[in-house]
Amino acid sequence: MVTVKNILEKKGNKVFSIKPDQTVFEALTVMAEKNIGAVLVMEGENLLGIFSERDYARKLILKGFFSKESVVRNVMTKDLYVVSPDTDIFKCMAMMTEKRIRHIPVVENKKLKGIVTIGDIVNAIICSQEEIIKNLGNYITGGGYGHSG
C-alpha cells in the first residue's frame, strides 16, 4: 500500500506559507515565484487555512476586490480537509475528488508534515500501477514476481 508518507519521502515536506494578515497580492507573488497553485496560511506553527487560485478567482475577482488591498485572512479557505502521513493514496484521491480540492495539508499529532496535490497523488498511482504491471509481466514470463528481469 502506497501512502501519503511515501509521496512526502520522494517530494520532500517543504511547504510555502504566508501569514494571515499579508495581502492577497503577496500571496499571489509567492505562488507565482514558486509555481504553485496554493499557499498555506500559518501563524507560527499553527495552520489556519489555505489560499488557492480558486479562492482568488471566486472570492476576490468576482466580487470586485483588489489583491493589493485585501488580506488573505478574509478570503482564505478556513475549513480544511487534512490527511495523515499514513493515509492510503487511493483514499486521499477519493477525498480530493469528493470534496473538489487539489491540495491537502498532511498533519500528524496536530503538526504540519507537508502538503500533497492531486498531481502528486496521480503520479504516485501511475508509478504504483507501472510497478504492478512490470511485476506481473515478469511473473508471466517466468522471471518471478517482484524481480527485475
N, C-alpha and C. Protein backbone atom coordinates (compact mmCIF):
# COMPACT_ATOMS: atom_id res chain seq x y z
N MET A 1 0.83 -1.18 0.00
CA MET A 1 0.00 0.00 0.00
C MET A 1 0.88 1.26 0.00
N VAL A 2 0.60 2.15 -0.93
CA VAL A 2 1.33 3.41 -1.02
C VAL A 2 0.58 4.44 -0.19
N THR A 3 1.32 5.18 0.62
CA THR A 3 0.70 6.17 1.50
C THR A 3 1.20 7.58 1.18
N VAL A 4 0.56 8.54 1.79
CA VAL A 4 0.96 9.94 1.65
C VAL A 4 2.40 10.10 2.13
N LYS A 5 2.79 9.36 3.14
CA LYS A 5 4.17 9.42 3.65
C LYS A 5 5.17 9.07 2.55
N ASN A 6 4.84 8.08 1.71
CA ASN A 6 5.72 7.70 0.60
C ASN A 6 5.90 8.86 -0.39
N ILE A 7 4.83 9.59 -0.61
CA ILE A 7 4.91 10.74 -1.51
C ILE A 7 5.82 11.81 -0.91
N LEU A 8 5.62 12.10 0.37
CA LEU A 8 6.44 13.13 1.02
C LEU A 8 7.91 12.73 1.08
N GLU A 9 8.18 11.43 1.20
CA GLU A 9 9.57 10.97 1.21
C GLU A 9 10.24 11.27 -0.12
N LYS A 10 9.50 11.22 -1.22
CA LYS A 10 10.06 11.49 -2.54
C LYS A 10 10.12 12.98 -2.84
N LYS A 11 9.05 13.69 -2.57
CA LYS A 11 8.98 15.10 -2.95
C LYS A 11 9.51 16.04 -1.89
N GLY A 12 9.59 15.56 -0.66
CA GLY A 12 10.02 16.41 0.44
C GLY A 12 8.82 17.01 1.15
N ASN A 13 9.07 17.60 2.29
CA ASN A 13 7.97 18.15 3.07
C ASN A 13 8.00 19.67 3.15
N LYS A 14 8.73 20.28 2.23
CA LYS A 14 8.80 21.74 2.21
C LYS A 14 7.44 22.30 1.81
N VAL A 15 6.98 23.28 2.57
CA VAL A 15 5.72 23.96 2.25
C VAL A 15 6.00 25.47 2.18
N PHE A 16 5.18 26.12 1.39
CA PHE A 16 5.28 27.57 1.29
C PHE A 16 4.06 28.15 2.00
N SER A 17 4.32 29.13 2.85
CA SER A 17 3.23 29.67 3.64
C SER A 17 3.33 31.19 3.70
N ILE A 18 2.22 31.77 4.11
CA ILE A 18 2.15 33.20 4.34
C ILE A 18 1.40 33.42 5.64
N LYS A 19 1.47 34.63 6.14
CA LYS A 19 0.75 34.99 7.36
C LYS A 19 -0.64 35.51 7.00
N PRO A 20 -1.59 35.35 7.89
CA PRO A 20 -2.97 35.71 7.57
C PRO A 20 -3.19 37.19 7.26
N ASP A 21 -2.32 38.06 7.76
CA ASP A 21 -2.52 39.48 7.52
C ASP A 21 -1.71 40.02 6.34
N GLN A 22 -1.06 39.11 5.61
CA GLN A 22 -0.40 39.53 4.38
C GLN A 22 -1.46 39.76 3.32
N THR A 23 -1.11 40.57 2.33
CA THR A 23 -2.08 40.87 1.28
C THR A 23 -2.20 39.70 0.31
N VAL A 24 -3.32 39.68 -0.37
CA VAL A 24 -3.54 38.68 -1.41
C VAL A 24 -2.47 38.83 -2.49
N PHE A 25 -2.08 40.05 -2.78
CA PHE A 25 -1.03 40.29 -3.77
C PHE A 25 0.27 39.59 -3.36
N GLU A 26 0.61 39.67 -2.08
CA GLU A 26 1.82 39.00 -1.59
C GLU A 26 1.68 37.48 -1.74
N ALA A 27 0.51 36.96 -1.45
CA ALA A 27 0.28 35.52 -1.60
C ALA A 27 0.42 35.11 -3.06
N LEU A 28 -0.16 35.89 -3.96
CA LEU A 28 -0.06 35.59 -5.39
C LEU A 28 1.38 35.67 -5.88
N THR A 29 2.14 36.59 -5.32
CA THR A 29 3.55 36.71 -5.69
C THR A 29 4.32 35.45 -5.30
N VAL A 30 4.09 34.96 -4.09
CA VAL A 30 4.74 33.72 -3.64
C VAL A 30 4.34 32.57 -4.55
N MET A 31 3.05 32.48 -4.85
CA MET A 31 2.55 31.39 -5.69
C MET A 31 3.18 31.44 -7.08
N ALA A 32 3.31 32.63 -7.64
CA ALA A 32 3.91 32.77 -8.97
C ALA A 32 5.40 32.43 -8.94
N GLU A 33 6.12 32.93 -7.93
CA GLU A 33 7.56 32.66 -7.81
C GLU A 33 7.86 31.18 -7.63
N LYS A 34 7.02 30.50 -6.87
CA LYS A 34 7.26 29.08 -6.56
C LYS A 34 6.52 28.15 -7.53
N ASN A 35 5.74 28.73 -8.45
CA ASN A 35 4.97 27.96 -9.43
C ASN A 35 4.07 26.94 -8.74
N ILE A 36 3.29 27.43 -7.79
CA ILE A 36 2.36 26.59 -7.03
C ILE A 36 0.95 27.16 -7.14
N GLY A 37 -0.04 26.32 -6.92
CA GLY A 37 -1.42 26.74 -7.04
C GLY A 37 -2.09 27.11 -5.74
N ALA A 38 -1.38 26.94 -4.63
CA ALA A 38 -1.95 27.28 -3.33
C ALA A 38 -0.81 27.49 -2.34
N VAL A 39 -1.11 28.26 -1.32
CA VAL A 39 -0.14 28.52 -0.27
C VAL A 39 -0.85 28.36 1.07
N LEU A 40 -0.16 27.76 2.02
CA LEU A 40 -0.76 27.58 3.34
C LEU A 40 -0.71 28.89 4.11
N VAL A 41 -1.72 29.12 4.94
CA VAL A 41 -1.78 30.31 5.76
C VAL A 41 -1.49 29.87 7.19
N MET A 42 -0.39 30.41 7.74
CA MET A 42 0.07 29.95 9.05
C MET A 42 0.41 31.13 9.95
N GLU A 43 0.20 30.90 11.23
CA GLU A 43 0.63 31.83 12.25
C GLU A 43 1.54 31.02 13.16
N GLY A 44 2.83 31.26 13.06
CA GLY A 44 3.80 30.41 13.75
C GLY A 44 3.71 29.01 13.16
N GLU A 45 3.47 28.03 14.03
CA GLU A 45 3.33 26.65 13.55
C GLU A 45 1.86 26.24 13.42
N ASN A 46 0.95 27.18 13.62
CA ASN A 46 -0.48 26.88 13.54
C ASN A 46 -1.00 27.07 12.12
N LEU A 47 -1.57 26.01 11.60
CA LEU A 47 -2.18 26.04 10.27
C LEU A 47 -3.58 26.64 10.40
N LEU A 48 -3.79 27.79 9.77
CA LEU A 48 -5.07 28.48 9.87
C LEU A 48 -5.96 28.26 8.65
N GLY A 49 -5.33 28.05 7.51
CA GLY A 49 -6.11 27.91 6.28
C GLY A 49 -5.22 27.70 5.08
N ILE A 50 -5.84 27.80 3.92
CA ILE A 50 -5.12 27.68 2.66
C ILE A 50 -5.68 28.72 1.71
N PHE A 51 -4.82 29.30 0.91
CA PHE A 51 -5.24 30.26 -0.10
C PHE A 51 -4.84 29.70 -1.45
N SER A 52 -5.83 29.56 -2.33
CA SER A 52 -5.58 28.95 -3.64
C SER A 52 -6.01 29.87 -4.77
N GLU A 53 -5.64 29.47 -5.98
CA GLU A 53 -6.07 30.20 -7.16
C GLU A 53 -7.60 30.28 -7.21
N ARG A 54 -8.26 29.24 -6.78
CA ARG A 54 -9.72 29.21 -6.76
C ARG A 54 -10.26 30.27 -5.79
N ASP A 55 -9.63 30.40 -4.62
CA ASP A 55 -10.04 31.44 -3.67
C ASP A 55 -9.91 32.82 -4.32
N TYR A 56 -8.81 33.03 -5.00
CA TYR A 56 -8.58 34.32 -5.66
C TYR A 56 -9.66 34.60 -6.69
N ALA A 57 -9.93 33.63 -7.53
CA ALA A 57 -10.90 33.83 -8.60
C ALA A 57 -12.32 34.04 -8.07
N ARG A 58 -12.70 33.24 -7.11
CA ARG A 58 -14.10 33.27 -6.64
C ARG A 58 -14.38 34.29 -5.54
N LYS A 59 -13.39 34.57 -4.71
CA LYS A 59 -13.65 35.44 -3.56
C LYS A 59 -13.12 36.86 -3.75
N LEU A 60 -12.33 37.07 -4.76
CA LEU A 60 -11.79 38.41 -4.96
C LEU A 60 -12.24 38.97 -6.31
N ILE A 61 -11.81 38.36 -7.37
CA ILE A 61 -12.08 38.88 -8.71
C ILE A 61 -13.58 39.03 -8.94
N LEU A 62 -14.33 37.98 -8.69
CA LEU A 62 -15.77 38.02 -8.96
C LEU A 62 -16.52 39.01 -8.08
N LYS A 63 -15.95 39.35 -6.93
CA LYS A 63 -16.62 40.28 -6.02
C LYS A 63 -16.07 41.70 -6.12
N GLY A 64 -15.11 41.89 -7.04
CA GLY A 64 -14.60 43.23 -7.28
C GLY A 64 -13.61 43.75 -6.26
N PHE A 65 -13.00 42.86 -5.48
CA PHE A 65 -11.99 43.29 -4.52
C PHE A 65 -10.63 43.38 -5.20
N PHE A 66 -9.70 44.06 -4.56
CA PHE A 66 -8.38 44.26 -5.12
C PHE A 66 -7.33 43.50 -4.31
N SER A 67 -6.41 42.85 -4.99
CA SER A 67 -5.43 41.99 -4.33
C SER A 67 -4.43 42.76 -3.48
N LYS A 68 -4.15 44.01 -3.81
CA LYS A 68 -3.18 44.78 -3.01
C LYS A 68 -3.80 45.35 -1.75
N GLU A 69 -5.13 45.36 -1.69
CA GLU A 69 -5.81 45.94 -0.52
C GLU A 69 -6.42 44.87 0.38
N SER A 70 -6.63 43.69 -0.12
CA SER A 70 -7.29 42.62 0.64
C SER A 70 -6.27 41.75 1.35
N VAL A 71 -6.60 41.35 2.57
CA VAL A 71 -5.70 40.45 3.30
C VAL A 71 -6.20 39.02 3.16
N VAL A 72 -5.27 38.11 3.21
CA VAL A 72 -5.54 36.70 2.99
C VAL A 72 -6.55 36.16 4.00
N ARG A 73 -6.48 36.60 5.23
CA ARG A 73 -7.37 36.12 6.30
C ARG A 73 -8.84 36.19 5.87
N ASN A 74 -9.20 37.20 5.09
CA ASN A 74 -10.59 37.42 4.70
C ASN A 74 -11.05 36.57 3.52
N VAL A 75 -10.12 35.95 2.81
CA VAL A 75 -10.52 35.20 1.61
C VAL A 75 -9.98 33.76 1.57
N MET A 76 -9.20 33.39 2.56
CA MET A 76 -8.65 32.03 2.58
C MET A 76 -9.74 31.01 2.89
N THR A 77 -9.46 29.77 2.55
CA THR A 77 -10.34 28.67 2.93
C THR A 77 -9.96 28.26 4.35
N LYS A 78 -10.92 28.36 5.26
CA LYS A 78 -10.65 28.08 6.67
C LYS A 78 -11.01 26.65 7.06
N ASP A 79 -12.02 26.10 6.43
CA ASP A 79 -12.44 24.73 6.72
C ASP A 79 -11.60 23.77 5.91
N LEU A 80 -10.53 23.31 6.52
CA LEU A 80 -9.56 22.48 5.81
C LEU A 80 -9.86 20.99 5.95
N TYR A 81 -9.58 20.28 4.89
CA TYR A 81 -9.52 18.83 4.92
C TYR A 81 -8.05 18.50 5.02
N VAL A 82 -7.70 17.60 5.91
CA VAL A 82 -6.31 17.19 6.08
C VAL A 82 -6.23 15.68 6.06
N VAL A 83 -5.03 15.18 5.80
CA VAL A 83 -4.78 13.74 5.86
C VAL A 83 -3.57 13.51 6.75
N SER A 84 -3.41 12.27 7.19
CA SER A 84 -2.23 11.90 7.97
C SER A 84 -1.22 11.26 7.02
N PRO A 85 0.03 11.16 7.44
CA PRO A 85 1.03 10.51 6.59
C PRO A 85 0.67 9.06 6.24
N ASP A 86 -0.11 8.40 7.10
CA ASP A 86 -0.46 7.00 6.87
C ASP A 86 -1.66 6.81 5.94
N THR A 87 -2.23 7.89 5.46
CA THR A 87 -3.39 7.79 4.58
C THR A 87 -3.01 7.14 3.26
N ASP A 88 -3.78 6.15 2.85
CA ASP A 88 -3.59 5.47 1.57
C ASP A 88 -3.86 6.47 0.44
N ILE A 89 -3.06 6.40 -0.63
CA ILE A 89 -3.21 7.38 -1.71
C ILE A 89 -4.56 7.27 -2.42
N PHE A 90 -5.15 6.08 -2.46
CA PHE A 90 -6.46 5.94 -3.10
C PHE A 90 -7.54 6.61 -2.25
N LYS A 91 -7.41 6.52 -0.94
CA LYS A 91 -8.36 7.20 -0.04
C LYS A 91 -8.19 8.72 -0.18
N CYS A 92 -6.95 9.15 -0.29
CA CYS A 92 -6.65 10.56 -0.45
C CYS A 92 -7.25 11.08 -1.77
N MET A 93 -7.08 10.32 -2.83
CA MET A 93 -7.63 10.72 -4.12
C MET A 93 -9.16 10.77 -4.07
N ALA A 94 -9.77 9.81 -3.41
CA ALA A 94 -11.23 9.80 -3.28
C ALA A 94 -11.71 11.05 -2.53
N MET A 95 -11.01 11.41 -1.47
CA MET A 95 -11.37 12.60 -0.70
C MET A 95 -11.24 13.85 -1.55
N MET A 96 -10.14 13.95 -2.29
CA MET A 96 -9.92 15.13 -3.12
C MET A 96 -10.99 15.24 -4.20
N THR A 97 -11.37 14.12 -4.76
CA THR A 97 -12.40 14.11 -5.79
C THR A 97 -13.75 14.49 -5.21
N GLU A 98 -14.09 13.88 -4.10
CA GLU A 98 -15.39 14.13 -3.46
C GLU A 98 -15.52 15.58 -2.99
N LYS A 99 -14.46 16.12 -2.40
CA LYS A 99 -14.50 17.47 -1.85
C LYS A 99 -14.14 18.53 -2.88
N ARG A 100 -13.72 18.10 -4.07
CA ARG A 100 -13.35 19.00 -5.17
C ARG A 100 -12.21 19.94 -4.77
N ILE A 101 -11.16 19.34 -4.21
CA ILE A 101 -9.98 20.10 -3.80
C ILE A 101 -8.75 19.53 -4.48
N ARG A 102 -7.72 20.36 -4.59
CA ARG A 102 -6.49 19.93 -5.28
C ARG A 102 -5.26 19.93 -4.39
N HIS A 103 -5.41 20.40 -3.16
CA HIS A 103 -4.29 20.46 -2.22
C HIS A 103 -4.76 20.02 -0.85
N ILE A 104 -3.99 19.14 -0.22
CA ILE A 104 -4.34 18.69 1.13
C ILE A 104 -3.12 18.75 2.04
N PRO A 105 -3.24 19.51 3.13
CA PRO A 105 -2.15 19.50 4.11
C PRO A 105 -2.06 18.13 4.78
N VAL A 106 -0.84 17.75 5.11
CA VAL A 106 -0.59 16.48 5.80
C VAL A 106 -0.26 16.84 7.25
N VAL A 107 -1.07 16.33 8.17
CA VAL A 107 -0.93 16.68 9.58
C VAL A 107 -0.83 15.40 10.42
N GLU A 108 0.10 15.43 11.37
CA GLU A 108 0.25 14.31 12.31
C GLU A 108 0.45 14.90 13.70
N ASN A 109 -0.37 14.45 14.65
CA ASN A 109 -0.32 14.97 16.02
C ASN A 109 -0.40 16.50 16.05
N LYS A 110 -1.31 17.04 15.24
CA LYS A 110 -1.57 18.48 15.15
C LYS A 110 -0.38 19.27 14.60
N LYS A 111 0.59 18.58 14.00
CA LYS A 111 1.76 19.25 13.44
C LYS A 111 1.80 19.05 11.93
N LEU A 112 2.04 20.13 11.20
CA LEU A 112 2.11 20.08 9.75
C LEU A 112 3.33 19.29 9.30
N LYS A 113 3.10 18.31 8.42
CA LYS A 113 4.19 17.47 7.91
C LYS A 113 4.49 17.74 6.45
N GLY A 114 3.59 18.44 5.75
CA GLY A 114 3.78 18.71 4.33
C GLY A 114 2.44 18.96 3.67
N ILE A 115 2.45 18.93 2.35
CA ILE A 115 1.23 19.11 1.58
C ILE A 115 1.33 18.21 0.35
N VAL A 116 0.20 17.63 -0.05
CA VAL A 116 0.17 16.85 -1.28
C VAL A 116 -0.87 17.45 -2.20
N THR A 117 -0.61 17.33 -3.49
CA THR A 117 -1.51 17.85 -4.51
C THR A 117 -2.12 16.70 -5.28
N ILE A 118 -3.15 17.00 -6.03
CA ILE A 118 -3.76 15.97 -6.86
C ILE A 118 -2.74 15.43 -7.85
N GLY A 119 -1.84 16.27 -8.33
CA GLY A 119 -0.78 15.81 -9.24
C GLY A 119 0.15 14.81 -8.57
N ASP A 120 0.49 15.06 -7.31
CA ASP A 120 1.32 14.12 -6.55
C ASP A 120 0.64 12.76 -6.44
N ILE A 121 -0.65 12.79 -6.15
CA ILE A 121 -1.42 11.55 -5.97
C ILE A 121 -1.50 10.79 -7.28
N VAL A 122 -1.83 11.48 -8.36
CA VAL A 122 -1.93 10.82 -9.67
C VAL A 122 -0.60 10.20 -10.07
N ASN A 123 0.49 10.94 -9.89
CA ASN A 123 1.82 10.41 -10.22
C ASN A 123 2.14 9.16 -9.39
N ALA A 124 1.81 9.19 -8.11
CA ALA A 124 2.07 8.03 -7.25
C ALA A 124 1.26 6.82 -7.70
N ILE A 125 0.02 7.05 -8.09
CA ILE A 125 -0.82 5.94 -8.57
C ILE A 125 -0.27 5.38 -9.88
N ILE A 126 0.13 6.23 -10.77
CA ILE A 126 0.71 5.77 -12.05
C ILE A 126 1.96 4.95 -11.79
N CYS A 127 2.85 5.43 -10.93
CA CYS A 127 4.08 4.68 -10.62
C CYS A 127 3.75 3.33 -9.97
N SER A 128 2.78 3.33 -9.09
CA SER A 128 2.37 2.10 -8.43
C SER A 128 1.82 1.09 -9.44
N GLN A 129 1.00 1.56 -10.36
CA GLN A 129 0.42 0.69 -11.38
C GLN A 129 1.50 0.17 -12.33
N GLU A 130 2.45 1.01 -12.69
CA GLU A 130 3.54 0.58 -13.56
C GLU A 130 4.36 -0.53 -12.91
N GLU A 131 4.59 -0.41 -11.60
CA GLU A 131 5.34 -1.43 -10.87
C GLU A 131 4.57 -2.75 -10.85
N ILE A 132 3.27 -2.67 -10.63
CA ILE A 132 2.43 -3.88 -10.64
C ILE A 132 2.47 -4.55 -12.01
N ILE A 133 2.35 -3.75 -13.06
CA ILE A 133 2.36 -4.29 -14.43
C ILE A 133 3.71 -4.94 -14.73
N LYS A 134 4.79 -4.31 -14.33
CA LYS A 134 6.13 -4.87 -14.55
C LYS A 134 6.28 -6.21 -13.82
N ASN A 135 5.83 -6.24 -12.57
CA ASN A 135 5.93 -7.47 -11.78
C ASN A 135 5.08 -8.60 -12.37
N LEU A 136 3.89 -8.27 -12.82
CA LEU A 136 3.04 -9.29 -13.44
C LEU A 136 3.65 -9.79 -14.74
N GLY A 137 4.24 -8.88 -15.50
CA GLY A 137 4.93 -9.29 -16.73
C GLY A 137 6.07 -10.24 -16.45
N ASN A 138 6.85 -9.94 -15.42
CA ASN A 138 7.95 -10.83 -15.03
C ASN A 138 7.43 -12.19 -14.57
N TYR A 139 6.34 -12.17 -13.85
CA TYR A 139 5.75 -13.41 -13.36
C TYR A 139 5.28 -14.28 -14.53
N ILE A 140 4.60 -13.64 -15.47
CA ILE A 140 4.05 -14.37 -16.63
C ILE A 140 5.18 -14.96 -17.48
N THR A 141 6.27 -14.23 -17.64
CA THR A 141 7.36 -14.69 -18.49
C THR A 141 8.34 -15.58 -17.75
N GLY A 142 8.04 -15.89 -16.50
CA GLY A 142 8.87 -16.83 -15.76
C GLY A 142 9.99 -16.17 -14.99
N GLY A 143 10.03 -14.84 -14.93
CA GLY A 143 11.10 -14.15 -14.22
C GLY A 143 10.84 -14.06 -12.73
N GLY A 144 9.65 -14.46 -12.31
CA GLY A 144 9.31 -14.38 -10.88
C GLY A 144 8.68 -13.06 -10.56
N TYR A 145 7.83 -13.05 -9.60
CA TYR A 145 7.14 -11.85 -9.19
C TYR A 145 8.05 -11.00 -8.31
N GLY A 146 8.14 -9.72 -8.63
CA GLY A 146 8.93 -8.82 -7.79
C GLY A 146 10.39 -8.76 -8.14
N HIS A 147 10.81 -9.45 -9.21
CA HIS A 147 12.21 -9.41 -9.63
C HIS A 147 12.33 -8.70 -10.97
N SER A 148 13.37 -7.95 -11.13
CA SER A 148 13.65 -7.34 -12.44
C SER A 148 14.24 -8.39 -13.33
N GLY A 149 13.91 -8.30 -14.55
CA GLY A 149 14.48 -9.32 -15.37
C GLY A 149 14.57 -8.94 -16.73
